[in-house]
Protein backbone atom coordinates (compact mmCIF):
# COMPACT_ATOMS: atom_id res chain seq x y z
CA UNK A 1 83.19 99.60 84.44
CA UNK A 2 86.76 100.74 85.08
CA UNK A 3 89.39 99.74 87.65
CA UNK A 4 92.35 101.73 88.99
CA UNK A 5 95.44 99.56 89.45
CA UNK A 6 97.73 100.05 92.46
CA UNK A 7 101.06 98.67 93.66
CA UNK A 8 101.47 98.52 97.44
CA UNK A 9 105.20 98.63 98.20
CA UNK A 10 106.08 96.95 101.49
CA UNK A 11 109.13 97.00 103.74
CA UNK A 12 111.47 94.24 102.61
CA UNK A 13 110.86 94.81 98.90
CA UNK A 14 107.58 92.95 98.45
CA UNK A 15 104.96 94.50 96.17
CA UNK A 16 101.25 93.67 96.25
CA UNK A 17 99.18 94.49 93.19
CA UNK A 18 95.59 95.58 93.73
CA UNK A 19 92.78 97.20 91.77
CA UNK A 20 89.63 99.00 92.81
CA UNK A 21 86.53 100.19 91.05
CA UNK A 22 86.69 103.84 90.00
CA UNK A 23 83.10 104.32 91.23
CA UNK A 24 83.95 103.65 94.91
CA UNK A 25 83.18 106.71 97.08
CA UNK A 26 86.31 108.72 97.96
CA UNK A 27 86.21 107.89 101.69
CA UNK A 28 86.43 104.15 100.94
CA UNK A 29 89.22 104.33 98.36
CA UNK A 30 92.57 102.72 99.17
CA UNK A 31 94.67 105.90 99.04
CA UNK A 32 92.25 107.82 101.27
CA UNK A 33 92.13 105.01 103.83
CA UNK A 34 95.94 104.82 103.79
CA UNK A 35 96.36 108.59 104.25
CA UNK A 36 93.95 108.65 107.23
CA UNK A 37 95.36 105.52 108.90
CA UNK A 38 97.51 105.66 112.02
CA UNK A 39 100.80 103.70 112.09
CA UNK A 40 99.20 101.00 114.31
CA UNK A 41 96.19 100.54 111.97
CA UNK A 42 95.69 97.67 109.52
CA UNK A 43 94.50 98.27 105.96
CA UNK A 44 92.45 95.50 104.35
CA UNK A 45 92.48 94.92 100.61
CA UNK A 46 90.10 92.45 99.01
CA UNK A 47 86.44 91.51 98.97
CA UNK A 48 84.19 88.74 100.18
CA UNK A 49 84.45 87.06 96.76
CA UNK A 50 88.26 87.24 96.51
CA UNK A 51 91.14 86.78 98.88
CA UNK A 52 91.76 89.32 101.62
CA UNK A 53 95.07 90.92 102.48
CA UNK A 54 95.45 92.59 105.88
CA UNK A 55 98.46 94.90 105.84
CA UNK A 56 99.81 96.77 108.87
CA UNK A 57 100.20 100.42 107.83
CA UNK A 58 103.67 100.53 109.41
CA UNK A 59 104.78 97.91 106.83
CA UNK A 60 103.72 100.02 103.80
CA UNK A 61 106.47 102.20 102.34
CA UNK A 62 104.25 103.76 99.68
CA UNK A 63 101.40 103.06 97.25
CA UNK A 64 101.81 103.82 93.56
CA UNK A 65 99.01 104.09 91.05
CA UNK A 66 98.99 102.25 87.77
CA UNK A 67 96.75 102.12 84.75
CA UNK A 68 93.01 102.60 84.62
CA UNK A 69 91.69 99.51 82.88
CA UNK A 70 88.32 98.46 81.57
CA UNK A 71 86.62 95.63 83.44
CA UNK A 72 85.02 93.92 80.47
CA UNK A 73 83.06 91.28 82.37
CA UNK A 74 81.21 91.70 85.66
CA UNK A 75 82.33 88.28 86.87
CA UNK A 76 85.96 88.15 85.74
CA UNK A 77 88.95 90.47 85.72
CA UNK A 78 92.10 89.43 83.88
CA UNK A 79 95.18 91.57 84.65
CA UNK A 80 97.72 92.06 81.91
CA UNK A 81 100.37 89.32 81.70
CA UNK A 82 98.14 86.86 83.55
CA UNK A 83 96.39 83.90 81.99
CA UNK A 84 94.04 82.85 84.81
CA UNK A 85 90.91 85.00 85.31
CA UNK A 86 90.34 86.31 88.83
CA UNK A 87 86.76 86.84 90.08
CA UNK A 88 86.38 90.27 91.70
CA UNK A 89 83.73 92.59 93.05
CA UNK A 90 85.30 95.92 93.90
CA UNK A 91 88.86 94.76 94.65
CA UNK A 92 91.35 92.35 93.19
CA UNK A 93 94.60 91.33 94.83
CA UNK A 94 97.19 89.28 92.98
């Protein structure tokens, strides 16, 4: 299984890192949801198994894509430069 990494750049200089499964249908993918969102909408990133981030669309400057990485274990995802595994389902936020 493969994950697409993203960086969500926020007003004020903060950057959230996220990843989603490549196999997610297009209408549920982060970039599609962001493009279709109105300025007053809130985008959620996360899953029931991991932490959730609720981000007002008006606070997002832009979203950049990163690497496509292999998810080598169905229970654990370890981003580069991180030593603690993070359990994920279809999203990871760190």
